[in-house]
Each structure stands twice: as C-alpha cells, then as structure tokens.
Amino acid sequence: MARGQLIRSTVATTVGAVRGLRDLDAPTPCAEYDVRALVEHMLTWGPALAGAGRKVVVPPGEDVRVGDDWAAGLEAVLDDVAAAWSDDGAWQGTTHMGGPMEMPADLVGGMVLGEVLVHGWDLGRASGQRPEWDDDVLEFALDEVAKTADQGRAMGMYSAEVVVPDGASTVDRLLGLTGRDPRWKP
C-alpha cells in the first residue's frame, strides 16, 4: 500500500473512533489527557501536521478549546492531514513540523501517521471501542515508531516502554513502544 493510502486508511479508522466518542471527561490511555484535552491537543496540532505535508511551516495554533461542533472540527482537521500527506511529494525532501527545524519529510510523515493512529487508539479505548487498522498500516506505523521511540521518550512525548509478551500483535507492540499498556481499559 502506498504511503498516501496508508495515511488515508489511518485517518479513516481514527475518524471512526472520534464518531464513537460520547464522554469528553473520560480518561484516556494517554495519562496526561482526558478525552477533552486529547481532542484539544489534536485540534491544536492538526494544522501543523497538515502544513508539514504541504512543506509549509504552520506553528501549532493557540490552544484550541472544544466547542459545540468539536467532532466535525476534528474530523475536518484529520481529513486535512490525510489530504496533505496523500501526495507522494509530501514524503520527499525535507519539511518542518510546527517549527524552524528541518527534518526529512519521510521521517515526519511517519511521525504524523503514528500520532494519528496512536491518538485514535487512545480515543477509541477511552470510549470502549476497539479501533482496527489494516495490517499494512500497523506494520508501517510500528517501523516508524521504532525509529523515533527513544527520541520520543527523551523528549517526554512517550512514557517508558511497556513490555508486551512475545508474540504480541503488531498494534500491541506499537502501543508498548509509545508507553501505552495495550490492555488499558476505561
């Protein structure tokens, strides 16, 4: 599956999880966020993630607060991220992710895909859903997260790795790398 298709598939599953949300005050597997705070995080950073795919520096927005139409707003932000990263050119050369530092575009694209997938899982699990991504998406995301997991932990983006059993599923291994317990329940 081409990378543009991978990001579209990732977003589609995450949007499905967003549509299933009912309680903005529910805890999430991402310990620092409840559902409301995680949605606000995604709304705040979404334009910067899309901008990176278009090779345009878009700083993260002011902290975006959840309003009455938050679900439609988040879906639009995620669709824009998918549109930006669906172009093969988005993955070539260098880009910026919300700041002045240039990074390889394929590395940033992998980070974006991982961010959308992991936070989609967070939101899904917070509402008792079990989002499922295609195997191609999960394999790609696992490879990408593995490249940056140590750096993510050093920067405070990920918690300590959660050790998963031998033979664990791809999604469980991916979640463990990001410091999430795949067995987490609300």
N, C-alpha and C. Protein backbone atom coordinates (compact mmCIF):
# COMPACT_ATOMS: atom_id res chain seq x y z
N MET A 1 0.85 -1.18 0.00
CA MET A 1 0.00 0.00 0.00
C MET A 1 0.89 1.24 0.00
N ALA A 2 0.62 2.19 -0.85
CA ALA A 2 1.39 3.44 -0.92
C ALA A 2 1.19 4.25 0.36
N ARG A 3 2.18 5.08 0.68
CA ARG A 3 2.11 5.85 1.93
C ARG A 3 0.89 6.77 1.97
N GLY A 4 0.49 7.35 0.84
CA GLY A 4 -0.71 8.17 0.81
C GLY A 4 -1.95 7.38 1.18
N GLN A 5 -2.01 6.15 0.72
CA GLN A 5 -3.14 5.28 1.08
C GLN A 5 -3.07 4.89 2.55
N LEU A 6 -1.87 4.69 3.07
CA LEU A 6 -1.70 4.33 4.47
C LEU A 6 -2.25 5.45 5.38
N ILE A 7 -1.91 6.70 5.04
CA ILE A 7 -2.38 7.81 5.90
C ILE A 7 -3.89 7.96 5.78
N ARG A 8 -4.44 7.78 4.59
CA ARG A 8 -5.91 7.88 4.45
C ARG A 8 -6.60 6.78 5.25
N SER A 9 -6.09 5.58 5.20
CA SER A 9 -6.66 4.47 5.96
C SER A 9 -6.56 4.72 7.46
N THR A 10 -5.42 5.24 7.89
CA THR A 10 -5.21 5.55 9.31
C THR A 10 -6.22 6.58 9.78
N VAL A 11 -6.37 7.64 9.01
CA VAL A 11 -7.32 8.70 9.36
C VAL A 11 -8.74 8.17 9.38
N ALA A 12 -9.11 7.35 8.41
CA ALA A 12 -10.48 6.83 8.36
C ALA A 12 -10.82 6.05 9.64
N THR A 13 -9.91 5.23 10.10
CA THR A 13 -10.16 4.47 11.33
C THR A 13 -10.22 5.39 12.53
N THR A 14 -9.34 6.37 12.59
CA THR A 14 -9.34 7.32 13.71
C THR A 14 -10.62 8.14 13.72
N VAL A 15 -11.07 8.58 12.55
CA VAL A 15 -12.34 9.32 12.47
C VAL A 15 -13.49 8.44 12.97
N GLY A 16 -13.46 7.16 12.66
CA GLY A 16 -14.47 6.25 13.20
C GLY A 16 -14.48 6.26 14.71
N ALA A 17 -13.30 6.29 15.32
CA ALA A 17 -13.21 6.36 16.78
C ALA A 17 -13.77 7.68 17.30
N VAL A 18 -13.46 8.77 16.61
CA VAL A 18 -13.98 10.09 17.01
C VAL A 18 -15.50 10.08 16.99
N ARG A 19 -16.08 9.49 15.97
CA ARG A 19 -17.54 9.45 15.86
C ARG A 19 -18.19 8.65 16.98
N GLY A 20 -17.44 7.77 17.61
CA GLY A 20 -17.97 6.96 18.70
C GLY A 20 -17.80 7.58 20.07
N LEU A 21 -17.20 8.76 20.15
CA LEU A 21 -16.98 9.42 21.44
C LEU A 21 -18.28 9.97 22.00
N ARG A 22 -18.47 9.82 23.29
CA ARG A 22 -19.67 10.35 23.95
C ARG A 22 -19.34 11.17 25.19
N ASP A 23 -18.26 10.83 25.88
CA ASP A 23 -17.95 11.45 27.17
C ASP A 23 -16.60 12.17 27.08
N LEU A 24 -16.65 13.48 27.00
CA LEU A 24 -15.42 14.26 26.89
C LEU A 24 -14.59 14.26 28.17
N ASP A 25 -15.19 13.86 29.27
CA ASP A 25 -14.47 13.85 30.54
C ASP A 25 -13.87 12.49 30.88
N ALA A 26 -14.02 11.51 29.99
CA ALA A 26 -13.50 10.17 30.24
C ALA A 26 -11.97 10.18 30.21
N PRO A 27 -11.34 9.34 31.02
CA PRO A 27 -9.87 9.21 30.96
C PRO A 27 -9.46 8.52 29.67
N THR A 28 -8.22 8.72 29.27
CA THR A 28 -7.66 8.04 28.10
C THR A 28 -6.41 7.27 28.53
N PRO A 29 -5.93 6.37 27.68
CA PRO A 29 -4.68 5.67 27.99
C PRO A 29 -3.48 6.61 28.03
N CYS A 30 -3.61 7.77 27.45
CA CYS A 30 -2.55 8.79 27.49
C CYS A 30 -2.75 9.56 28.80
N ALA A 31 -2.01 9.19 29.83
CA ALA A 31 -2.28 9.61 31.20
C ALA A 31 -2.44 11.12 31.38
N GLU A 32 -1.77 11.91 30.57
CA GLU A 32 -1.86 13.36 30.78
C GLU A 32 -3.11 13.98 30.20
N TYR A 33 -3.91 13.21 29.46
CA TYR A 33 -5.09 13.75 28.80
C TYR A 33 -6.35 12.97 29.13
N ASP A 34 -7.45 13.69 29.40
CA ASP A 34 -8.76 13.06 29.30
C ASP A 34 -9.20 13.26 27.84
N VAL A 35 -10.38 12.79 27.48
CA VAL A 35 -10.81 12.87 26.08
C VAL A 35 -10.82 14.33 25.62
N ARG A 36 -11.38 15.23 26.41
CA ARG A 36 -11.45 16.64 26.01
C ARG A 36 -10.06 17.20 25.72
N ALA A 37 -9.12 16.97 26.62
CA ALA A 37 -7.77 17.51 26.45
C ALA A 37 -7.08 16.88 25.24
N LEU A 38 -7.32 15.61 24.99
CA LEU A 38 -6.71 14.96 23.83
C LEU A 38 -7.31 15.51 22.53
N VAL A 39 -8.62 15.72 22.50
CA VAL A 39 -9.25 16.33 21.32
C VAL A 39 -8.67 17.73 21.11
N GLU A 40 -8.52 18.50 22.18
CA GLU A 40 -7.95 19.85 22.06
C GLU A 40 -6.52 19.79 21.55
N HIS A 41 -5.75 18.84 22.02
CA HIS A 41 -4.37 18.64 21.54
C HIS A 41 -4.37 18.37 20.03
N MET A 42 -5.25 17.49 19.60
CA MET A 42 -5.31 17.14 18.17
C MET A 42 -5.79 18.32 17.33
N LEU A 43 -6.74 19.09 17.83
CA LEU A 43 -7.21 20.28 17.11
C LEU A 43 -6.13 21.35 17.04
N THR A 44 -5.34 21.47 18.10
CA THR A 44 -4.27 22.47 18.16
C THR A 44 -3.13 22.12 17.20
N TRP A 45 -2.72 20.85 17.19
CA TRP A 45 -1.57 20.44 16.40
C TRP A 45 -1.90 20.01 14.97
N GLY A 46 -3.15 19.68 14.70
CA GLY A 46 -3.54 19.19 13.37
C GLY A 46 -3.10 20.07 12.22
N PRO A 47 -3.33 21.39 12.30
CA PRO A 47 -2.89 22.25 11.19
C PRO A 47 -1.38 22.21 10.95
N ALA A 48 -0.59 22.07 12.00
CA ALA A 48 0.87 21.97 11.84
C ALA A 48 1.25 20.66 11.16
N LEU A 49 0.53 19.58 11.48
CA LEU A 49 0.80 18.29 10.84
C LEU A 49 0.45 18.34 9.35
N ALA A 50 -0.67 18.97 9.03
CA ALA A 50 -1.05 19.13 7.62
C ALA A 50 -0.07 20.06 6.91
N GLY A 51 0.32 21.13 7.56
CA GLY A 51 1.28 22.06 6.97
C GLY A 51 2.60 21.37 6.64
N ALA A 52 3.04 20.46 7.51
CA ALA A 52 4.28 19.73 7.25
C ALA A 52 4.17 18.93 5.96
N GLY A 53 3.01 18.36 5.69
CA GLY A 53 2.81 17.61 4.46
C GLY A 53 2.83 18.49 3.22
N ARG A 54 2.48 19.75 3.42
CA ARG A 54 2.48 20.71 2.30
C ARG A 54 3.77 21.51 2.22
N LYS A 55 4.71 21.20 3.12
CA LYS A 55 6.01 21.88 3.18
C LYS A 55 5.85 23.36 3.53
N VAL A 56 4.87 23.64 4.37
CA VAL A 56 4.60 24.99 4.84
C VAL A 56 4.72 24.97 6.35
N VAL A 57 5.46 25.92 6.90
CA VAL A 57 5.59 25.98 8.36
C VAL A 57 4.30 26.57 8.93
N VAL A 58 3.61 25.77 9.68
CA VAL A 58 2.40 26.21 10.36
C VAL A 58 2.63 25.92 11.84
N PRO A 59 2.88 26.97 12.62
CA PRO A 59 3.08 26.70 14.04
C PRO A 59 1.79 26.15 14.65
N PRO A 60 1.93 25.36 15.73
CA PRO A 60 0.70 24.89 16.36
C PRO A 60 -0.15 26.09 16.75
N GLY A 61 -1.44 25.94 16.64
CA GLY A 61 -2.34 27.04 16.94
C GLY A 61 -2.35 27.36 18.42
N GLU A 62 -3.01 28.45 18.73
CA GLU A 62 -3.28 28.72 20.13
C GLU A 62 -4.03 27.51 20.65
N ASP A 63 -3.95 27.28 21.93
CA ASP A 63 -4.69 26.13 22.46
C ASP A 63 -6.14 26.23 22.03
N VAL A 64 -6.58 25.24 21.30
CA VAL A 64 -7.95 25.20 20.79
C VAL A 64 -8.82 24.55 21.85
N ARG A 65 -9.93 25.15 22.16
CA ARG A 65 -10.86 24.60 23.14
C ARG A 65 -12.01 23.90 22.42
N VAL A 66 -12.49 22.85 23.02
CA VAL A 66 -13.60 22.10 22.46
C VAL A 66 -14.85 22.97 22.49
N GLY A 67 -15.49 23.10 21.33
CA GLY A 67 -16.74 23.85 21.23
C GLY A 67 -17.88 22.90 20.92
N ASP A 68 -19.01 23.48 20.54
CA ASP A 68 -20.20 22.67 20.27
C ASP A 68 -20.01 21.69 19.12
N ASP A 69 -19.24 22.08 18.12
CA ASP A 69 -19.10 21.25 16.92
C ASP A 69 -17.71 20.62 16.85
N TRP A 70 -17.20 20.21 18.02
CA TRP A 70 -15.83 19.72 18.10
C TRP A 70 -15.59 18.48 17.24
N ALA A 71 -16.57 17.57 17.16
CA ALA A 71 -16.35 16.33 16.41
C ALA A 71 -16.19 16.62 14.92
N ALA A 72 -17.03 17.48 14.38
CA ALA A 72 -16.90 17.85 12.96
C ALA A 72 -15.59 18.60 12.73
N GLY A 73 -15.21 19.43 13.68
CA GLY A 73 -13.95 20.15 13.56
C GLY A 73 -12.76 19.22 13.56
N LEU A 74 -12.76 18.23 14.44
CA LEU A 74 -11.65 17.28 14.49
C LEU A 74 -11.63 16.42 13.24
N GLU A 75 -12.80 16.02 12.77
CA GLU A 75 -12.84 15.23 11.54
C GLU A 75 -12.27 16.03 10.37
N ALA A 76 -12.60 17.33 10.29
CA ALA A 76 -12.07 18.17 9.21
C ALA A 76 -10.55 18.31 9.32
N VAL A 77 -10.05 18.48 10.53
CA VAL A 77 -8.60 18.58 10.73
C VAL A 77 -7.91 17.30 10.29
N LEU A 78 -8.46 16.15 10.70
CA LEU A 78 -7.86 14.88 10.32
C LEU A 78 -7.94 14.64 8.82
N ASP A 79 -9.05 15.02 8.20
CA ASP A 79 -9.16 14.89 6.74
C ASP A 79 -8.13 15.76 6.04
N ASP A 80 -7.85 16.94 6.60
CA ASP A 80 -6.84 17.83 6.01
C ASP A 80 -5.45 17.22 6.14
N VAL A 81 -5.17 16.58 7.27
CA VAL A 81 -3.88 15.90 7.45
C VAL A 81 -3.74 14.80 6.40
N ALA A 82 -4.81 14.02 6.22
CA ALA A 82 -4.77 12.95 5.21
C ALA A 82 -4.56 13.51 3.82
N ALA A 83 -5.25 14.59 3.49
CA ALA A 83 -5.10 15.20 2.15
C ALA A 83 -3.67 15.68 1.94
N ALA A 84 -3.10 16.31 2.94
CA ALA A 84 -1.74 16.85 2.81
C ALA A 84 -0.71 15.75 2.61
N TRP A 85 -0.85 14.64 3.32
CA TRP A 85 0.13 13.56 3.27
C TRP A 85 -0.20 12.50 2.23
N SER A 86 -1.30 12.67 1.50
CA SER A 86 -1.65 11.70 0.46
C SER A 86 -0.85 11.91 -0.82
N ASP A 87 -0.28 13.07 -0.99
CA ASP A 87 0.55 13.38 -2.15
C ASP A 87 1.93 12.77 -1.94
N ASP A 88 2.41 12.01 -2.91
CA ASP A 88 3.74 11.39 -2.78
C ASP A 88 4.83 12.41 -2.52
N GLY A 89 4.68 13.63 -3.05
CA GLY A 89 5.68 14.67 -2.85
C GLY A 89 5.81 15.09 -1.39
N ALA A 90 4.78 14.87 -0.61
CA ALA A 90 4.83 15.23 0.81
C ALA A 90 5.92 14.44 1.53
N TRP A 91 6.20 13.25 1.07
CA TRP A 91 7.13 12.34 1.73
C TRP A 91 8.57 12.51 1.23
N GLN A 92 8.79 13.45 0.32
CA GLN A 92 10.12 13.63 -0.28
C GLN A 92 10.76 14.92 0.22
N GLY A 93 12.07 14.92 0.25
CA GLY A 93 12.81 16.11 0.65
C GLY A 93 12.75 16.33 2.15
N THR A 94 12.63 17.59 2.53
CA THR A 94 12.58 17.95 3.95
C THR A 94 11.32 18.77 4.21
N THR A 95 11.01 18.89 5.48
CA THR A 95 9.86 19.71 5.88
C THR A 95 10.06 20.15 7.33
N HIS A 96 9.10 20.86 7.84
CA HIS A 96 9.11 21.37 9.21
C HIS A 96 7.83 20.89 9.89
N MET A 97 7.94 20.62 11.18
CA MET A 97 6.72 20.25 11.90
C MET A 97 6.47 21.27 13.00
N GLY A 98 5.88 22.38 12.58
CA GLY A 98 5.47 23.40 13.54
C GLY A 98 6.57 24.33 14.00
N GLY A 99 7.78 24.14 13.54
CA GLY A 99 8.88 24.98 13.99
C GLY A 99 9.94 25.12 12.92
N PRO A 100 11.05 25.78 13.25
CA PRO A 100 12.07 26.08 12.24
C PRO A 100 12.98 24.92 11.86
N MET A 101 13.02 23.85 12.66
CA MET A 101 13.96 22.77 12.39
C MET A 101 13.51 21.93 11.19
N GLU A 102 14.41 21.81 10.20
CA GLU A 102 14.13 20.96 9.05
C GLU A 102 14.41 19.52 9.39
N MET A 103 13.51 18.65 8.91
CA MET A 103 13.68 17.22 9.13
C MET A 103 13.33 16.50 7.83
N PRO A 104 13.82 15.27 7.66
CA PRO A 104 13.44 14.51 6.48
C PRO A 104 11.92 14.32 6.44
N ALA A 105 11.33 14.60 5.30
CA ALA A 105 9.87 14.54 5.17
C ALA A 105 9.33 13.14 5.43
N ASP A 106 10.06 12.11 5.01
CA ASP A 106 9.55 10.75 5.25
C ASP A 106 9.54 10.42 6.74
N LEU A 107 10.49 10.95 7.49
CA LEU A 107 10.50 10.76 8.94
C LEU A 107 9.30 11.46 9.57
N VAL A 108 9.06 12.70 9.16
CA VAL A 108 7.93 13.47 9.69
C VAL A 108 6.61 12.79 9.31
N GLY A 109 6.50 12.32 8.08
CA GLY A 109 5.29 11.63 7.66
C GLY A 109 5.01 10.41 8.51
N GLY A 110 6.05 9.66 8.83
CA GLY A 110 5.89 8.50 9.70
C GLY A 110 5.46 8.90 11.10
N MET A 111 6.00 10.02 11.59
CA MET A 111 5.60 10.53 12.90
C MET A 111 4.14 10.95 12.89
N VAL A 112 3.72 11.62 11.82
CA VAL A 112 2.33 12.07 11.69
C VAL A 112 1.39 10.86 11.67
N LEU A 113 1.71 9.87 10.87
CA LEU A 113 0.87 8.69 10.80
C LEU A 113 0.78 8.02 12.18
N GLY A 114 1.91 7.90 12.85
CA GLY A 114 1.91 7.31 14.19
C GLY A 114 1.08 8.11 15.18
N GLU A 115 1.19 9.41 15.11
CA GLU A 115 0.42 10.29 16.00
C GLU A 115 -1.08 10.10 15.80
N VAL A 116 -1.50 10.08 14.55
CA VAL A 116 -2.92 9.91 14.26
C VAL A 116 -3.41 8.54 14.73
N LEU A 117 -2.62 7.51 14.47
CA LEU A 117 -3.02 6.16 14.85
C LEU A 117 -3.08 6.01 16.37
N VAL A 118 -2.03 6.40 17.05
CA VAL A 118 -1.97 6.19 18.50
C VAL A 118 -3.05 7.00 19.21
N HIS A 119 -3.24 8.25 18.81
CA HIS A 119 -4.30 9.03 19.45
C HIS A 119 -5.68 8.53 19.06
N GLY A 120 -5.82 7.95 17.87
CA GLY A 120 -7.08 7.31 17.51
C GLY A 120 -7.36 6.13 18.42
N TRP A 121 -6.31 5.36 18.72
CA TRP A 121 -6.46 4.24 19.66
C TRP A 121 -6.82 4.77 21.04
N ASP A 122 -6.13 5.84 21.47
CA ASP A 122 -6.43 6.44 22.78
C ASP A 122 -7.92 6.80 22.89
N LEU A 123 -8.41 7.50 21.87
CA LEU A 123 -9.82 7.93 21.89
C LEU A 123 -10.77 6.75 21.82
N GLY A 124 -10.43 5.79 20.98
CA GLY A 124 -11.28 4.61 20.88
C GLY A 124 -11.36 3.86 22.19
N ARG A 125 -10.22 3.60 22.79
CA ARG A 125 -10.22 2.86 24.05
C ARG A 125 -10.91 3.64 25.16
N ALA A 126 -10.77 4.96 25.17
CA ALA A 126 -11.41 5.79 26.19
C ALA A 126 -12.92 5.64 26.16
N SER A 127 -13.45 5.31 24.99
CA SER A 127 -14.90 5.18 24.84
C SER A 127 -15.33 3.72 24.68
N GLY A 128 -14.44 2.80 25.01
CA GLY A 128 -14.79 1.39 24.97
C GLY A 128 -14.77 0.78 23.58
N GLN A 129 -14.25 1.50 22.59
CA GLN A 129 -14.16 0.98 21.22
C GLN A 129 -12.85 0.21 21.04
N ARG A 130 -12.80 -0.58 20.00
CA ARG A 130 -11.58 -1.30 19.63
C ARG A 130 -11.26 -0.98 18.17
N PRO A 131 -10.65 0.20 17.92
CA PRO A 131 -10.33 0.54 16.53
C PRO A 131 -9.38 -0.50 15.93
N GLU A 132 -9.58 -0.81 14.67
CA GLU A 132 -8.73 -1.77 13.98
C GLU A 132 -8.22 -1.17 12.68
N TRP A 133 -6.91 -1.17 12.54
CA TRP A 133 -6.26 -0.67 11.34
C TRP A 133 -5.81 -1.85 10.49
N ASP A 134 -5.66 -1.60 9.19
CA ASP A 134 -5.15 -2.62 8.28
C ASP A 134 -3.75 -3.06 8.72
N ASP A 135 -3.41 -4.31 8.43
CA ASP A 135 -2.08 -4.83 8.77
C ASP A 135 -0.97 -3.99 8.15
N ASP A 136 -1.17 -3.53 6.90
CA ASP A 136 -0.16 -2.69 6.25
C ASP A 136 0.09 -1.41 7.03
N VAL A 137 -0.97 -0.80 7.52
CA VAL A 137 -0.86 0.42 8.32
C VAL A 137 -0.09 0.13 9.60
N LEU A 138 -0.45 -0.94 10.28
CA LEU A 138 0.18 -1.26 11.56
C LEU A 138 1.66 -1.59 11.40
N GLU A 139 2.01 -2.36 10.37
CA GLU A 139 3.43 -2.68 10.14
C GLU A 139 4.23 -1.42 9.84
N PHE A 140 3.69 -0.55 8.99
CA PHE A 140 4.37 0.69 8.66
C PHE A 140 4.52 1.55 9.92
N ALA A 141 3.45 1.71 10.67
CA ALA A 141 3.49 2.54 11.88
C ALA A 141 4.47 1.98 12.90
N LEU A 142 4.50 0.67 13.08
CA LEU A 142 5.44 0.07 14.02
C LEU A 142 6.88 0.38 13.61
N ASP A 143 7.19 0.23 12.34
CA ASP A 143 8.54 0.54 11.87
C ASP A 143 8.89 2.00 12.12
N GLU A 144 7.94 2.89 11.85
CA GLU A 144 8.19 4.32 12.02
C GLU A 144 8.35 4.70 13.48
N VAL A 145 7.48 4.18 14.34
CA VAL A 145 7.58 4.49 15.77
C VAL A 145 8.87 3.93 16.34
N ALA A 146 9.28 2.75 15.89
CA ALA A 146 10.53 2.15 16.39
C ALA A 146 11.73 3.05 16.08
N LYS A 147 11.69 3.76 14.96
CA LYS A 147 12.80 4.65 14.59
C LYS A 147 12.95 5.82 15.55
N THR A 148 11.86 6.28 16.15
CA THR A 148 11.89 7.50 16.94
C THR A 148 11.48 7.31 18.40
N ALA A 149 11.24 6.08 18.83
CA ALA A 149 10.72 5.85 20.19
C ALA A 149 11.67 6.36 21.27
N ASP A 150 12.95 6.07 21.14
CA ASP A 150 13.90 6.54 22.16
C ASP A 150 13.93 8.06 22.21
N GLN A 151 13.95 8.69 21.05
CA GLN A 151 13.93 10.15 20.99
C GLN A 151 12.63 10.68 21.58
N GLY A 152 11.52 10.03 21.26
CA GLY A 152 10.22 10.45 21.80
C GLY A 152 10.19 10.37 23.32
N ARG A 153 10.80 9.33 23.89
CA ARG A 153 10.86 9.22 25.35
C ARG A 153 11.76 10.31 25.93
N ALA A 154 12.88 10.56 25.27
CA ALA A 154 13.80 11.60 25.76
C ALA A 154 13.15 12.98 25.74
N MET A 155 12.25 13.19 24.79
CA MET A 155 11.57 14.49 24.67
C MET A 155 10.30 14.54 25.51
N GLY A 156 9.96 13.45 26.19
CA GLY A 156 8.77 13.43 27.02
C GLY A 156 7.48 13.18 26.26
N MET A 157 7.58 12.80 24.98
CA MET A 157 6.39 12.53 24.19
C MET A 157 5.85 11.13 24.47
N TYR A 158 6.71 10.22 24.85
CA TYR A 158 6.32 8.86 25.17
C TYR A 158 6.73 8.56 26.61
N SER A 159 5.97 7.71 27.25
CA SER A 159 6.34 7.21 28.58
C SER A 159 7.31 6.04 28.39
N ALA A 160 7.75 5.49 29.50
CA ALA A 160 8.63 4.33 29.45
C ALA A 160 7.94 3.21 28.67
N GLU A 161 8.74 2.47 27.93
CA GLU A 161 8.19 1.37 27.13
C GLU A 161 7.46 0.37 28.01
N VAL A 162 6.30 -0.06 27.54
CA VAL A 162 5.54 -1.11 28.21
C VAL A 162 5.92 -2.42 27.51
N VAL A 163 6.48 -3.33 28.27
CA VAL A 163 6.91 -4.61 27.71
C VAL A 163 5.66 -5.45 27.43
N VAL A 164 5.58 -5.95 26.23
CA VAL A 164 4.45 -6.80 25.84
C VAL A 164 4.97 -8.23 25.67
N PRO A 165 4.10 -9.22 25.80
CA PRO A 165 4.55 -10.61 25.70
C PRO A 165 5.10 -10.96 24.32
N ASP A 166 5.97 -11.95 24.29
CA ASP A 166 6.44 -12.47 23.00
C ASP A 166 5.21 -12.88 22.18
N GLY A 167 5.24 -12.63 20.91
CA GLY A 167 4.13 -12.99 20.05
C GLY A 167 2.98 -12.01 20.10
N ALA A 168 3.16 -10.86 20.76
CA ALA A 168 2.10 -9.85 20.84
C ALA A 168 1.77 -9.35 19.44
N SER A 169 0.56 -8.88 19.28
CA SER A 169 0.12 -8.35 17.99
C SER A 169 0.93 -7.11 17.61
N THR A 170 0.89 -6.77 16.35
CA THR A 170 1.61 -5.58 15.87
C THR A 170 1.14 -4.34 16.59
N VAL A 171 -0.17 -4.17 16.75
CA VAL A 171 -0.67 -2.97 17.41
C VAL A 171 -0.23 -2.94 18.87
N ASP A 172 -0.20 -4.09 19.55
CA ASP A 172 0.25 -4.11 20.94
C ASP A 172 1.73 -3.74 21.05
N ARG A 173 2.54 -4.23 20.12
CA ARG A 173 3.98 -3.88 20.13
C ARG A 173 4.15 -2.38 19.89
N LEU A 174 3.39 -1.84 18.95
CA LEU A 174 3.43 -0.40 18.66
C LEU A 174 3.05 0.40 19.90
N LEU A 175 1.95 0.03 20.53
CA LEU A 175 1.49 0.75 21.72
C LEU A 175 2.51 0.66 22.84
N GLY A 176 3.08 -0.51 23.05
CA GLY A 176 4.10 -0.68 24.07
C GLY A 176 5.28 0.26 23.86
N LEU A 177 5.70 0.42 22.60
CA LEU A 177 6.81 1.33 22.30
C LEU A 177 6.50 2.77 22.70
N THR A 178 5.23 3.15 22.61
CA THR A 178 4.84 4.52 22.94
C THR A 178 4.54 4.70 24.43
N GLY A 179 4.72 3.62 25.21
CA GLY A 179 4.48 3.72 26.64
C GLY A 179 3.04 3.46 27.04
N ARG A 180 2.26 2.90 26.13
CA ARG A 180 0.87 2.61 26.44
C ARG A 180 0.70 1.12 26.75
N ASP A 181 -0.17 0.85 27.67
CA ASP A 181 -0.48 -0.53 28.02
C ASP A 181 -1.62 -0.99 27.10
N PRO A 182 -1.37 -1.93 26.21
CA PRO A 182 -2.41 -2.36 25.29
C PRO A 182 -3.65 -2.94 25.98
N ARG A 183 -3.51 -3.32 27.24
CA ARG A 183 -4.65 -3.89 27.98
C ARG A 183 -5.46 -2.82 28.71
N TRP A 184 -5.10 -1.55 28.53
CA TRP A 184 -5.77 -0.46 29.25
C TRP A 184 -7.27 -0.47 28.96
N LYS A 185 -8.05 -0.24 30.01
CA LYS A 185 -9.50 -0.13 29.88
C LYS A 185 -9.96 1.08 30.66
N PRO A 186 -11.06 1.70 30.21
CA PRO A 186 -11.55 2.87 30.96
C PRO A 186 -12.09 2.49 32.33
